[in-house]
Amino acid sequence: MQLNPNTIKTLRLKFDWTQQQLADACDVSLRTIQRVEKEGAASKETTMSLCAVFEVRQGELIKLDDDVSEQSATHAVSKQNLAAIVAASSFISFALGMATVLVIF
């Protein structure tokens, strides 16, 4: 499971614990805590232990994908582009309509 390393470290420091103290509280190795704080990689059991020790829900520890943020940004840009295209096509339609009216008269 991919956790947010910064969240884990922030919570640990909030409790004023060393990595070893957190490892002892979670009944995992020091190396496990070091890996979680560096890479965010954790087993389901480690994740559940961290949730219990910090008294938080699993969702608060899980790392959000950077892709999700990028997709949101891309989606926002796409909406802006769509709005610009609609506005431009409306203007062009209006201009063509006016040109047609002028040619007829």
N, C-alpha and C. Protein backbone atom coordinates (compact mmCIF):
# COMPACT_ATOMS: atom_id res chain seq x y z
N MET A 1 0.84 -1.17 0.00
CA MET A 1 0.00 0.00 0.00
C MET A 1 0.90 1.24 0.00
N GLN A 2 0.51 2.24 -0.74
CA GLN A 2 1.32 3.45 -0.84
C GLN A 2 0.77 4.53 0.09
N LEU A 3 1.57 4.87 1.10
CA LEU A 3 1.19 5.89 2.06
C LEU A 3 1.93 7.19 1.76
N ASN A 4 1.45 8.27 2.32
CA ASN A 4 2.12 9.55 2.16
C ASN A 4 3.22 9.65 3.20
N PRO A 5 4.48 9.60 2.79
CA PRO A 5 5.60 9.63 3.74
C PRO A 5 5.61 10.88 4.62
N ASN A 6 5.24 12.01 4.04
CA ASN A 6 5.24 13.25 4.81
C ASN A 6 4.20 13.22 5.92
N THR A 7 3.06 12.62 5.65
CA THR A 7 2.01 12.52 6.67
C THR A 7 2.48 11.65 7.83
N ILE A 8 3.12 10.54 7.52
CA ILE A 8 3.60 9.64 8.57
C ILE A 8 4.62 10.36 9.44
N LYS A 9 5.56 11.02 8.81
CA LYS A 9 6.60 11.72 9.57
C LYS A 9 6.00 12.86 10.39
N THR A 10 5.08 13.60 9.82
CA THR A 10 4.44 14.70 10.54
C THR A 10 3.70 14.20 11.77
N LEU A 11 2.96 13.11 11.61
CA LEU A 11 2.24 12.54 12.76
C LEU A 11 3.21 12.05 13.83
N ARG A 12 4.28 11.41 13.39
CA ARG A 12 5.28 10.92 14.36
C ARG A 12 5.87 12.09 15.15
N LEU A 13 6.22 13.14 14.46
CA LEU A 13 6.81 14.31 15.13
C LEU A 13 5.78 15.00 16.03
N LYS A 14 4.52 14.96 15.63
CA LYS A 14 3.45 15.53 16.45
C LYS A 14 3.38 14.82 17.80
N PHE A 15 3.61 13.52 17.78
CA PHE A 15 3.63 12.73 19.01
C PHE A 15 4.97 12.85 19.74
N ASP A 16 5.91 13.54 19.09
CA ASP A 16 7.26 13.72 19.65
C ASP A 16 7.96 12.38 19.87
N TRP A 17 7.82 11.49 18.85
CA TRP A 17 8.40 10.16 18.92
C TRP A 17 9.59 10.07 17.97
N THR A 18 10.52 9.19 18.33
CA THR A 18 11.58 8.81 17.40
C THR A 18 11.01 7.74 16.48
N GLN A 19 11.74 7.43 15.43
CA GLN A 19 11.31 6.34 14.56
C GLN A 19 11.26 5.03 15.33
N GLN A 20 12.21 4.83 16.23
CA GLN A 20 12.24 3.60 17.01
C GLN A 20 11.01 3.50 17.92
N GLN A 21 10.63 4.61 18.53
CA GLN A 21 9.45 4.60 19.40
C GLN A 21 8.19 4.27 18.60
N LEU A 22 8.08 4.83 17.39
CA LEU A 22 6.93 4.51 16.54
C LEU A 22 6.96 3.04 16.14
N ALA A 23 8.13 2.54 15.80
CA ALA A 23 8.27 1.13 15.43
C ALA A 23 7.82 0.23 16.58
N ASP A 24 8.24 0.56 17.80
CA ASP A 24 7.85 -0.22 18.97
C ASP A 24 6.34 -0.16 19.18
N ALA A 25 5.76 1.02 19.04
CA ALA A 25 4.32 1.18 19.24
C ALA A 25 3.52 0.39 18.21
N CYS A 26 4.05 0.31 16.99
CA CYS A 26 3.37 -0.42 15.91
C CYS A 26 3.74 -1.90 15.86
N ASP A 27 4.72 -2.29 16.66
CA ASP A 27 5.22 -3.66 16.67
C ASP A 27 5.77 -4.05 15.29
N VAL A 28 6.56 -3.12 14.73
CA VAL A 28 7.26 -3.37 13.46
C VAL A 28 8.73 -3.00 13.66
N SER A 29 9.53 -3.28 12.66
CA SER A 29 10.96 -2.97 12.78
C SER A 29 11.23 -1.49 12.50
N LEU A 30 12.36 -1.03 12.98
CA LEU A 30 12.80 0.33 12.70
C LEU A 30 12.92 0.53 11.19
N ARG A 31 13.47 -0.47 10.51
CA ARG A 31 13.63 -0.41 9.06
C ARG A 31 12.29 -0.20 8.36
N THR A 32 11.24 -0.81 8.87
CA THR A 32 9.91 -0.64 8.27
C THR A 32 9.48 0.82 8.35
N ILE A 33 9.66 1.43 9.51
CA ILE A 33 9.27 2.84 9.68
C ILE A 33 10.14 3.72 8.79
N GLN A 34 11.42 3.43 8.70
CA GLN A 34 12.31 4.21 7.84
C GLN A 34 11.85 4.13 6.38
N ARG A 35 11.48 2.93 5.95
CA ARG A 35 11.02 2.73 4.57
C ARG A 35 9.71 3.48 4.32
N VAL A 36 8.80 3.41 5.28
CA VAL A 36 7.51 4.09 5.13
C VAL A 36 7.72 5.61 5.04
N GLU A 37 8.59 6.14 5.89
CA GLU A 37 8.83 7.58 5.88
C GLU A 37 9.63 8.04 4.65
N LYS A 38 10.38 7.13 4.05
CA LYS A 38 11.17 7.50 2.87
C LYS A 38 10.40 7.26 1.57
N GLU A 39 9.80 6.07 1.45
CA GLU A 39 9.18 5.65 0.19
C GLU A 39 7.66 5.62 0.24
N GLY A 40 7.10 5.53 1.43
CA GLY A 40 5.65 5.42 1.56
C GLY A 40 5.15 3.99 1.42
N ALA A 41 6.04 3.03 1.17
CA ALA A 41 5.64 1.64 0.98
C ALA A 41 5.35 0.97 2.31
N ALA A 42 4.15 0.40 2.43
CA ALA A 42 3.76 -0.26 3.68
C ALA A 42 2.80 -1.40 3.38
N SER A 43 2.91 -2.46 4.17
CA SER A 43 1.96 -3.56 4.04
C SER A 43 0.63 -3.13 4.65
N LYS A 44 -0.38 -3.90 4.39
CA LYS A 44 -1.70 -3.60 4.97
C LYS A 44 -1.63 -3.66 6.50
N GLU A 45 -0.87 -4.62 7.03
CA GLU A 45 -0.74 -4.76 8.48
C GLU A 45 -0.05 -3.54 9.09
N THR A 46 1.02 -3.09 8.44
CA THR A 46 1.73 -1.90 8.93
C THR A 46 0.81 -0.68 8.87
N THR A 47 0.08 -0.57 7.78
CA THR A 47 -0.85 0.55 7.64
C THR A 47 -1.89 0.55 8.75
N MET A 48 -2.44 -0.62 9.04
CA MET A 48 -3.45 -0.72 10.10
C MET A 48 -2.84 -0.39 11.46
N SER A 49 -1.60 -0.81 11.70
CA SER A 49 -0.92 -0.49 12.96
C SER A 49 -0.72 1.01 13.09
N LEU A 50 -0.29 1.64 12.01
CA LEU A 50 -0.09 3.09 12.03
C LEU A 50 -1.41 3.82 12.30
N CYS A 51 -2.48 3.35 11.67
CA CYS A 51 -3.80 3.95 11.90
C CYS A 51 -4.20 3.83 13.37
N ALA A 52 -3.98 2.67 13.94
CA ALA A 52 -4.34 2.45 15.34
C ALA A 52 -3.51 3.32 16.28
N VAL A 53 -2.21 3.38 16.04
CA VAL A 53 -1.32 4.15 16.91
C VAL A 53 -1.61 5.65 16.81
N PHE A 54 -1.81 6.14 15.59
CA PHE A 54 -2.06 7.56 15.40
C PHE A 54 -3.54 7.94 15.57
N GLU A 55 -4.39 6.92 15.69
CA GLU A 55 -5.84 7.12 15.83
C GLU A 55 -6.40 7.93 14.66
N VAL A 56 -6.07 7.47 13.46
CA VAL A 56 -6.57 8.10 12.24
C VAL A 56 -7.16 7.03 11.33
N ARG A 57 -7.93 7.47 10.36
CA ARG A 57 -8.48 6.53 9.37
C ARG A 57 -7.43 6.25 8.30
N GLN A 58 -7.57 5.14 7.66
CA GLN A 58 -6.62 4.73 6.62
C GLN A 58 -6.50 5.77 5.52
N GLY A 59 -7.61 6.37 5.14
CA GLY A 59 -7.62 7.36 4.08
C GLY A 59 -6.75 8.57 4.36
N GLU A 60 -6.52 8.85 5.63
CA GLU A 60 -5.69 10.00 6.00
C GLU A 60 -4.21 9.73 5.77
N LEU A 61 -3.84 8.47 5.65
CA LEU A 61 -2.43 8.10 5.46
C LEU A 61 -2.08 7.78 4.02
N ILE A 62 -3.08 7.47 3.21
CA ILE A 62 -2.83 7.04 1.84
C ILE A 62 -2.40 8.21 0.98
N LYS A 63 -1.41 7.94 0.15
CA LYS A 63 -0.89 8.98 -0.75
C LYS A 63 -1.82 9.14 -1.93
N LEU A 64 -2.14 10.39 -2.22
CA LEU A 64 -2.92 10.67 -3.42
C LEU A 64 -1.99 10.60 -4.61
N ASP A 65 -2.46 9.99 -5.68
CA ASP A 65 -1.64 9.89 -6.88
C ASP A 65 -1.39 11.27 -7.47
N ASP A 66 -0.16 11.49 -7.89
CA ASP A 66 0.15 12.73 -8.59
C ASP A 66 -0.64 12.80 -9.89
N ASP A 67 -0.94 11.61 -10.45
CA ASP A 67 -1.72 11.57 -11.69
C ASP A 67 -3.08 12.18 -11.49
N VAL A 68 -3.68 11.99 -10.32
CA VAL A 68 -4.99 12.55 -10.04
C VAL A 68 -4.92 14.06 -10.09
N SER A 69 -3.88 14.63 -9.49
CA SER A 69 -3.71 16.08 -9.51
C SER A 69 -3.49 16.57 -10.94
N GLU A 70 -2.67 15.84 -11.69
CA GLU A 70 -2.42 16.22 -13.07
C GLU A 70 -3.68 16.11 -13.91
N GLN A 71 -4.47 15.05 -13.69
CA GLN A 71 -5.71 14.89 -14.42
C GLN A 71 -6.67 16.02 -14.10
N SER A 72 -6.74 16.43 -12.84
CA SER A 72 -7.61 17.52 -12.45
C SER A 72 -7.18 18.81 -13.13
N ALA A 73 -5.88 19.05 -13.17
CA ALA A 73 -5.37 20.26 -13.81
C ALA A 73 -5.65 20.22 -15.31
N THR A 74 -5.44 19.06 -15.93
CA THR A 74 -5.71 18.90 -17.35
C THR A 74 -7.18 19.09 -17.64
N HIS A 75 -8.03 18.55 -16.77
CA HIS A 75 -9.48 18.68 -16.93
C HIS A 75 -9.88 20.15 -16.86
N ALA A 76 -9.30 20.90 -15.92
CA ALA A 76 -9.61 22.32 -15.78
C ALA A 76 -9.19 23.09 -17.03
N VAL A 77 -8.01 22.77 -17.56
CA VAL A 77 -7.54 23.43 -18.78
C VAL A 77 -8.45 23.06 -19.94
N SER A 78 -8.86 21.80 -20.01
CA SER A 78 -9.75 21.36 -21.08
C SER A 78 -11.07 22.11 -21.02
N LYS A 79 -11.60 22.34 -19.83
CA LYS A 79 -12.85 23.09 -19.69
C LYS A 79 -12.67 24.52 -20.18
N GLN A 80 -11.52 25.12 -19.85
CA GLN A 80 -11.24 26.48 -20.31
C GLN A 80 -11.13 26.51 -21.83
N ASN A 81 -10.45 25.52 -22.39
CA ASN A 81 -10.31 25.45 -23.85
C ASN A 81 -11.67 25.27 -24.51
N LEU A 82 -12.50 24.43 -23.93
CA LEU A 82 -13.83 24.19 -24.47
C LEU A 82 -14.65 25.48 -24.46
N ALA A 83 -14.57 26.22 -23.37
CA ALA A 83 -15.30 27.48 -23.27
C ALA A 83 -14.82 28.46 -24.34
N ALA A 84 -13.51 28.51 -24.57
CA ALA A 84 -12.96 29.40 -25.60
C ALA A 84 -13.41 28.97 -26.99
N ILE A 85 -13.45 27.67 -27.24
CA ILE A 85 -13.88 27.16 -28.54
C ILE A 85 -15.35 27.47 -28.78
N VAL A 86 -16.17 27.28 -27.76
CA VAL A 86 -17.60 27.58 -27.89
C VAL A 86 -17.80 29.07 -28.17
N ALA A 87 -17.07 29.91 -27.43
CA ALA A 87 -17.20 31.35 -27.64
C ALA A 87 -16.75 31.73 -29.05
N ALA A 88 -15.65 31.17 -29.51
CA ALA A 88 -15.14 31.48 -30.85
C ALA A 88 -16.11 31.00 -31.92
N SER A 89 -16.65 29.80 -31.75
CA SER A 89 -17.58 29.28 -32.76
C SER A 89 -18.87 30.08 -32.78
N SER A 90 -19.30 30.55 -31.63
CA SER A 90 -20.50 31.40 -31.58
C SER A 90 -20.25 32.70 -32.32
N PHE A 91 -19.08 33.28 -32.10
CA PHE A 91 -18.73 34.53 -32.78
C PHE A 91 -18.65 34.32 -34.29
N ILE A 92 -18.02 33.23 -34.70
CA ILE A 92 -17.89 32.93 -36.13
C ILE A 92 -19.27 32.71 -36.75
N SER A 93 -20.12 31.97 -36.06
CA SER A 93 -21.48 31.74 -36.56
C SER A 93 -22.23 33.06 -36.72
N PHE A 94 -22.10 33.92 -35.72
CA PHE A 94 -22.75 35.23 -35.78
C PHE A 94 -22.21 36.04 -36.96
N ALA A 95 -20.88 36.05 -37.12
CA ALA A 95 -20.26 36.82 -38.20
C ALA A 95 -20.69 36.29 -39.56
N LEU A 96 -20.74 34.98 -39.72
CA LEU A 96 -21.17 34.39 -40.99
C LEU A 96 -22.64 34.71 -41.25
N GLY A 97 -23.43 34.66 -40.21
CA GLY A 97 -24.85 35.01 -40.35
C GLY A 97 -25.03 36.44 -40.79
N MET A 98 -24.26 37.35 -40.20
CA MET A 98 -24.34 38.76 -40.58
C MET A 98 -23.86 38.95 -42.02
N ALA A 99 -22.81 38.24 -42.40
CA ALA A 99 -22.28 38.35 -43.76
C ALA A 99 -23.32 37.86 -44.76
N THR A 100 -24.02 36.79 -44.43
CA THR A 100 -25.05 36.25 -45.30
C THR A 100 -26.18 37.25 -45.45
N VAL A 101 -26.58 37.87 -44.35
CA VAL A 101 -27.65 38.86 -44.39
C VAL A 101 -27.24 40.05 -45.26
N LEU A 102 -26.01 40.50 -45.13
CA LEU A 102 -25.53 41.63 -45.92
C LEU A 102 -25.46 41.30 -47.40
N VAL A 103 -25.08 40.07 -47.73
CA VAL A 103 -24.99 39.65 -49.13
C VAL A 103 -26.38 39.58 -49.74
N ILE A 104 -27.35 39.10 -48.96
CA ILE A 104 -28.72 38.96 -49.47
C ILE A 104 -29.32 40.33 -49.73
N PHE A 105 -29.05 41.27 -48.86
CA PHE A 105 -29.63 42.60 -49.04
C PHE A 105 -28.73 43.41 -49.85
